């Protein structure tokens, strides 16, 4: 098992392409939850700048409940959101953890926060004048912190 990065209904192909490249570079799995706002094909991925498509561990899930059923037993699910109270540097991560990020315009929907699935909500601290970070930047920040802890990078 490896670190799992999950994107909820991503909307911007270049962001997803950057995240896919990051997953290949880090040996992480990429999970797409719900229908993305663009085509998830090799041609579309190449157009988004990902020429490592064949090396990517990618799983598509039709919806939240289908994704939730695949969460590894005994692992942690982290919702990465501006609504979190806990800094992303606080938890102690393990190699089987999953990080779920919302889409670029509306984040994660209320039903995910309200679901009975065990989860923790974490955030990336930032100045009050900034609403949020670019999705691919946020994924990189959190993924590298998790791997810093797990692999002592």
C-alpha atoms as a PDB file:
ATOM      1  CA  UNK A   1       0.000   0.000   0.000  1.00  0.00           C
ATOM      2  CA  UNK A   2       1.162   3.551  -0.595  1.00  0.00           C
ATOM      3  CA  UNK A   3       0.073   7.080   0.133  1.00  0.00           C
ATOM      4  CA  UNK A   4      -3.236   7.888  -1.579  1.00  0.00           C
ATOM      5  CA  UNK A   5      -4.048  11.308  -3.034  1.00  0.00           C
ATOM      6  CA  UNK A   6      -7.733  11.733  -3.870  1.00  0.00           C
ATOM      7  CA  UNK A   7      -9.336  14.578  -5.811  1.00  0.00           C
ATOM      8  CA  UNK A   8     -13.056  15.243  -5.556  1.00  0.00           C
ATOM      9  CA  UNK A   9     -14.501  16.155  -8.976  1.00  0.00           C
ATOM     10  CA  UNK A  10     -11.462  18.111 -10.238  1.00  0.00           C
ATOM     11  CA  UNK A  11     -12.218  20.872 -12.723  1.00  0.00           C
ATOM     12  CA  UNK A  12      -8.931  22.067 -14.223  1.00  0.00           C
ATOM     13  CA  UNK A  13      -6.960  19.579 -16.359  1.00  0.00           C
ATOM     14  CA  UNK A  14      -3.502  21.162 -15.834  1.00  0.00           C
ATOM     15  CA  UNK A  15      -3.949  20.940 -12.048  1.00  0.00           C
ATOM     16  CA  UNK A  16      -4.834  17.260 -12.296  1.00  0.00           C
ATOM     17  CA  UNK A  17      -1.916  16.734 -14.690  1.00  0.00           C
ATOM     18  CA  UNK A  18       0.483  18.363 -12.223  1.00  0.00           C
ATOM     19  CA  UNK A  19      -0.904  16.254  -9.386  1.00  0.00           C
ATOM     20  CA  UNK A  20      -0.622  13.081 -11.458  1.00  0.00           C
ATOM     21  CA  UNK A  21       3.029  13.885 -12.211  1.00  0.00           C
ATOM     22  CA  UNK A  22       3.597  14.498  -8.493  1.00  0.00           C
ATOM     23  CA  UNK A  23       2.023  11.127  -7.655  1.00  0.00           C
ATOM     24  CA  UNK A  24       4.369   9.368 -10.081  1.00  0.00           C
ATOM     25  CA  UNK A  25       7.373  11.208  -8.617  1.00  0.00           C
ATOM     26  CA  UNK A  26       6.374  10.260  -5.058  1.00  0.00           C
ATOM     27  CA  UNK A  27       5.116   6.734  -5.691  1.00  0.00           C
ATOM     28  CA  UNK A  28       1.625   7.733  -4.548  1.00  0.00           C
ATOM     29  CA  UNK A  29      -1.716   6.519  -5.863  1.00  0.00           C
ATOM     30  CA  UNK A  30      -4.121   9.011  -7.463  1.00  0.00           C
ATOM     31  CA  UNK A  31      -7.862   8.576  -6.944  1.00  0.00           C
ATOM     32  CA  UNK A  32     -10.467  10.654  -8.759  1.00  0.00           C
ATOM     33  CA  UNK A  33     -13.751  10.747  -6.837  1.00  0.00           C
ATOM     34  CA  UNK A  34     -16.839  11.588  -8.880  1.00  0.00           C
ATOM     35  CA  UNK A  35     -16.946  12.795 -12.460  1.00  0.00           C
ATOM     36  CA  UNK A  36     -14.212  15.290 -13.308  1.00  0.00           C
ATOM     37  CA  UNK A  37     -15.129  18.351 -15.385  1.00  0.00           C
ATOM     38  CA  UNK A  38     -12.920  17.080 -18.221  1.00  0.00           C
ATOM     39  CA  UNK A  39     -12.040  13.890 -20.059  1.00  0.00           C
ATOM     40  CA  UNK A  40      -9.735  11.480 -18.216  1.00  0.00           C
ATOM     41  CA  UNK A  41      -7.949   9.986 -21.220  1.00  0.00           C
ATOM     42  CA  UNK A  42      -4.298   9.531 -22.065  1.00  0.00           C
ATOM     43  CA  UNK A  43      -4.626  12.161 -24.819  1.00  0.00           C
ATOM     44  CA  UNK A  44      -6.139  14.678 -22.374  1.00  0.00           C
ATOM     45  CA  UNK A  45      -3.426  13.880 -19.831  1.00  0.00           C
ATOM     46  CA  UNK A  46      -0.666  14.493 -22.381  1.00  0.00           C
ATOM     47  CA  UNK A  47      -2.283  17.807 -23.290  1.00  0.00           C
ATOM     48  CA  UNK A  48      -2.176  18.689 -19.570  1.00  0.00           C
ATOM     49  CA  UNK A  49       1.555  17.991 -19.557  1.00  0.00           C
ATOM     50  CA  UNK A  50       1.657  14.476 -18.117  1.00  0.00           C
ATOM     51  CA  UNK A  51       3.891  12.209 -20.159  1.00  0.00           C
ATOM     52  CA  UNK A  52       4.120   9.628 -17.357  1.00  0.00           C
ATOM     53  CA  UNK A  53       0.522   8.446 -17.722  1.00  0.00           C
ATOM     54  CA  UNK A  54       1.571   4.801 -18.106  1.00  0.00           C
ATOM     55  CA  UNK A  55       3.436   4.951 -14.762  1.00  0.00           C
ATOM     56  CA  UNK A  56       0.538   6.493 -12.827  1.00  0.00           C
ATOM     57  CA  UNK A  57      -1.462   4.383 -10.363  1.00  0.00           C
ATOM     58  CA  UNK A  58      -4.900   5.863 -11.124  1.00  0.00           C
ATOM     59  CA  UNK A  59      -8.300   4.755  -9.852  1.00  0.00           C
ATOM     60  CA  UNK A  60     -11.587   6.383 -10.854  1.00  0.00           C
ATOM     61  CA  UNK A  61     -14.531   6.209  -8.431  1.00  0.00           C
ATOM     62  CA  UNK A  62     -18.038   7.085  -9.584  1.00  0.00           C
ATOM     63  CA  UNK A  63     -18.965   8.756  -6.299  1.00  0.00           C
ATOM     64  CA  UNK A  64     -18.031   9.426  -2.664  1.00  0.00           C
ATOM     65  CA  UNK A  65     -19.626   6.263  -1.265  1.00  0.00           C
ATOM     66  CA  UNK A  66     -17.836   4.065  -3.802  1.00  0.00           C
ATOM     67  CA  UNK A  67     -14.549   5.703  -2.884  1.00  0.00           C
ATOM     68  CA  UNK A  68     -15.210   5.439   0.865  1.00  0.00           C
ATOM     69  CA  UNK A  69     -15.681   1.671   0.502  1.00  0.00           C
ATOM     70  CA  UNK A  70     -12.115   1.350  -0.820  1.00  0.00           C
ATOM     71  CA  UNK A  71     -10.421   3.074   2.114  1.00  0.00           C
ATOM     72  CA  UNK A  72      -7.883   0.691   3.642  1.00  0.00           C
ATOM     73  CA  UNK A  73      -8.867  -0.711   7.018  1.00  0.00           C
ATOM     74  CA  UNK A  74      -6.865   0.831   9.841  1.00  0.00           C
ATOM     75  CA  UNK A  75      -5.666   3.766   7.749  1.00  0.00           C
ATOM     76  CA  UNK A  76      -6.502   7.444   8.181  1.00  0.00           C
ATOM     77  CA  UNK A  77      -8.564   9.660   5.906  1.00  0.00           C
ATOM     78  CA  UNK A  78      -7.621  13.332   5.946  1.00  0.00           C
ATOM     79  CA  UNK A  79      -9.919  15.919   4.392  1.00  0.00           C
ATOM     80  CA  UNK A  80      -7.749  18.844   3.334  1.00  0.00           C
ATOM     81  CA  UNK A  81      -9.864  21.970   3.615  1.00  0.00           C
ATOM     82  CA  UNK A  82      -9.811  25.615   4.592  1.00  0.00           C
ATOM     83  CA  UNK A  83     -12.545  24.568   7.069  1.00  0.00           C
ATOM     84  CA  UNK A  84     -10.072  22.519   9.117  1.00  0.00           C
ATOM     85  CA  UNK A  85      -8.841  23.565  12.550  1.00  0.00           C
ATOM     86  CA  UNK A  86      -5.755  21.331  12.614  1.00  0.00           C
ATOM     87  CA  UNK A  87      -2.593  22.290  10.728  1.00  0.00           C
ATOM     88  CA  UNK A  88      -1.397  19.712   8.204  1.00  0.00           C
ATOM     89  CA  UNK A  89       1.895  19.479  10.145  1.00  0.00           C
ATOM     90  CA  UNK A  90       0.208  18.273  13.362  1.00  0.00           C
ATOM     91  CA  UNK A  91      -0.898  14.669  12.597  1.00  0.00           C
ATOM     92  CA  UNK A  92       1.583  11.785  12.465  1.00  0.00           C
ATOM     93  CA  UNK A  93       1.086  10.227   9.053  1.00  0.00           C
ATOM     94  CA  UNK A  94       1.543   6.620   7.959  1.00  0.00           C
ATOM     95  CA  UNK A  95       2.173   5.091   4.542  1.00  0.00           C
ATOM     96  CA  UNK A  96      -1.437   3.936   4.070  1.00  0.00           C
ATOM     97  CA  UNK A  97      -3.078   7.314   4.692  1.00  0.00           C
ATOM     98  CA  UNK A  98      -5.441   8.966   2.224  1.00  0.00           C
ATOM     99  CA  UNK A  99      -5.703  12.719   1.591  1.00  0.00           C
ATOM    100  CA  UNK A 100      -8.898  13.990  -0.032  1.00  0.00           C
ATOM    101  CA  UNK A 101      -8.890  17.425  -1.680  1.00  0.00           C
ATOM    102  CA  UNK A 102     -11.938  19.312  -2.952  1.00  0.00           C
ATOM    103  CA  UNK A 103     -12.287  20.817  -6.396  1.00  0.00           C
ATOM    104  CA  UNK A 104     -10.927  24.174  -7.432  1.00  0.00           C
ATOM    105  CA  UNK A 105     -14.080  26.282  -7.103  1.00  0.00           C
ATOM    106  CA  UNK A 106     -16.174  24.801  -4.304  1.00  0.00           C
ATOM    107  CA  UNK A 107     -13.934  22.474  -2.310  1.00  0.00           C
ATOM    108  CA  UNK A 108     -15.467  19.441  -0.620  1.00  0.00           C
ATOM    109  CA  UNK A 109     -19.268  19.173  -0.348  1.00  0.00           C
ATOM    110  CA  UNK A 110     -21.066  19.104   3.034  1.00  0.00           C
ATOM    111  CA  UNK A 111     -22.066  15.438   2.672  1.00  0.00           C
ATOM    112  CA  UNK A 112     -18.417  14.385   2.883  1.00  0.00           C
ATOM    113  CA  UNK A 113     -17.870  16.352   6.088  1.00  0.00           C
ATOM    114  CA  UNK A 114     -21.126  14.942   7.498  1.00  0.00           C
ATOM    115  CA  UNK A 115     -20.567  11.318   6.469  1.00  0.00           C
ATOM    116  CA  UNK A 116     -20.055   8.607   9.051  1.00  0.00           C
ATOM    117  CA  UNK A 117     -16.654   7.691   7.599  1.00  0.00           C
ATOM    118  CA  UNK A 118     -13.913   8.237  10.173  1.00  0.00           C
ATOM    119  CA  UNK A 119     -11.836  11.237   9.134  1.00  0.00           C
ATOM    120  CA  UNK A 120      -9.791  14.200  10.283  1.00  0.00           C
ATOM    121  CA  UNK A 121      -9.991  17.657   8.721  1.00  0.00           C
ATOM    122  CA  UNK A 122      -6.656  19.390   8.226  1.00  0.00           C
ATOM    123  CA  UNK A 123      -5.726  22.741   6.722  1.00  0.00           C
ATOM    124  CA  UNK A 124      -2.726  24.530   5.301  1.00  0.00           C
ATOM    125  CA  UNK A 125      -2.238  27.780   7.246  1.00  0.00           C
ATOM    126  CA  UNK A 126      -2.177  30.958   5.168  1.00  0.00           C
ATOM    127  CA  UNK A 127      -2.714  34.676   5.526  1.00  0.00           C
ATOM    128  CA  UNK A 128      -6.314  35.825   5.982  1.00  0.00           C
ATOM    129  CA  UNK A 129      -6.228  37.801   2.719  1.00  0.00           C
ATOM    130  CA  UNK A 130      -5.771  34.579   0.732  1.00  0.00           C
ATOM    131  CA  UNK A 131      -8.892  32.464   0.189  1.00  0.00           C
ATOM    132  CA  UNK A 132      -7.031  29.297  -0.825  1.00  0.00           C
ATOM    133  CA  UNK A 133      -3.977  27.854  -2.563  1.00  0.00           C
ATOM    134  CA  UNK A 134      -3.890  26.416  -6.061  1.00  0.00           C
ATOM    135  CA  UNK A 135      -5.013  22.774  -5.837  1.00  0.00           C
ATOM    136  CA  UNK A 136      -1.801  21.278  -7.213  1.00  0.00           C
ATOM    137  CA  UNK A 137       0.277  23.418  -4.835  1.00  0.00           C
ATOM    138  CA  UNK A 138      -1.835  22.322  -1.855  1.00  0.00           C
ATOM    139  CA  UNK A 139      -1.447  18.657  -2.791  1.00  0.00           C
ATOM    140  CA  UNK A 140       2.331  19.068  -3.081  1.00  0.00           C
ATOM    141  CA  UNK A 141       2.608  20.798   0.307  1.00  0.00           C
ATOM    142  CA  UNK A 142       0.658  18.083   2.136  1.00  0.00           C
ATOM    143  CA  UNK A 143       2.153  15.121   0.247  1.00  0.00           C
ATOM    144  CA  UNK A 144       5.723  16.217   0.905  1.00  0.00           C
ATOM    145  CA  UNK A 145       4.991  16.729   4.610  1.00  0.00           C
ATOM    146  CA  UNK A 146       3.499  13.245   4.832  1.00  0.00           C
ATOM    147  CA  UNK A 147       6.494  11.707   3.076  1.00  0.00           C
ATOM    148  CA  UNK A 148       8.927  13.759   5.141  1.00  0.00           C
ATOM    149  CA  UNK A 149       7.461  12.063   8.185  1.00  0.00           C
ATOM    150  CA  UNK A 150       7.079   8.582   6.677  1.00  0.00           C
ATOM    151  CA  UNK A 151      10.387   8.355   4.811  1.00  0.00           C
ATOM    152  CA  UNK A 152      12.404  10.842   6.883  1.00  0.00           C
ATOM    153  CA  UNK A 153      13.023  13.025   3.821  1.00  0.00           C
END
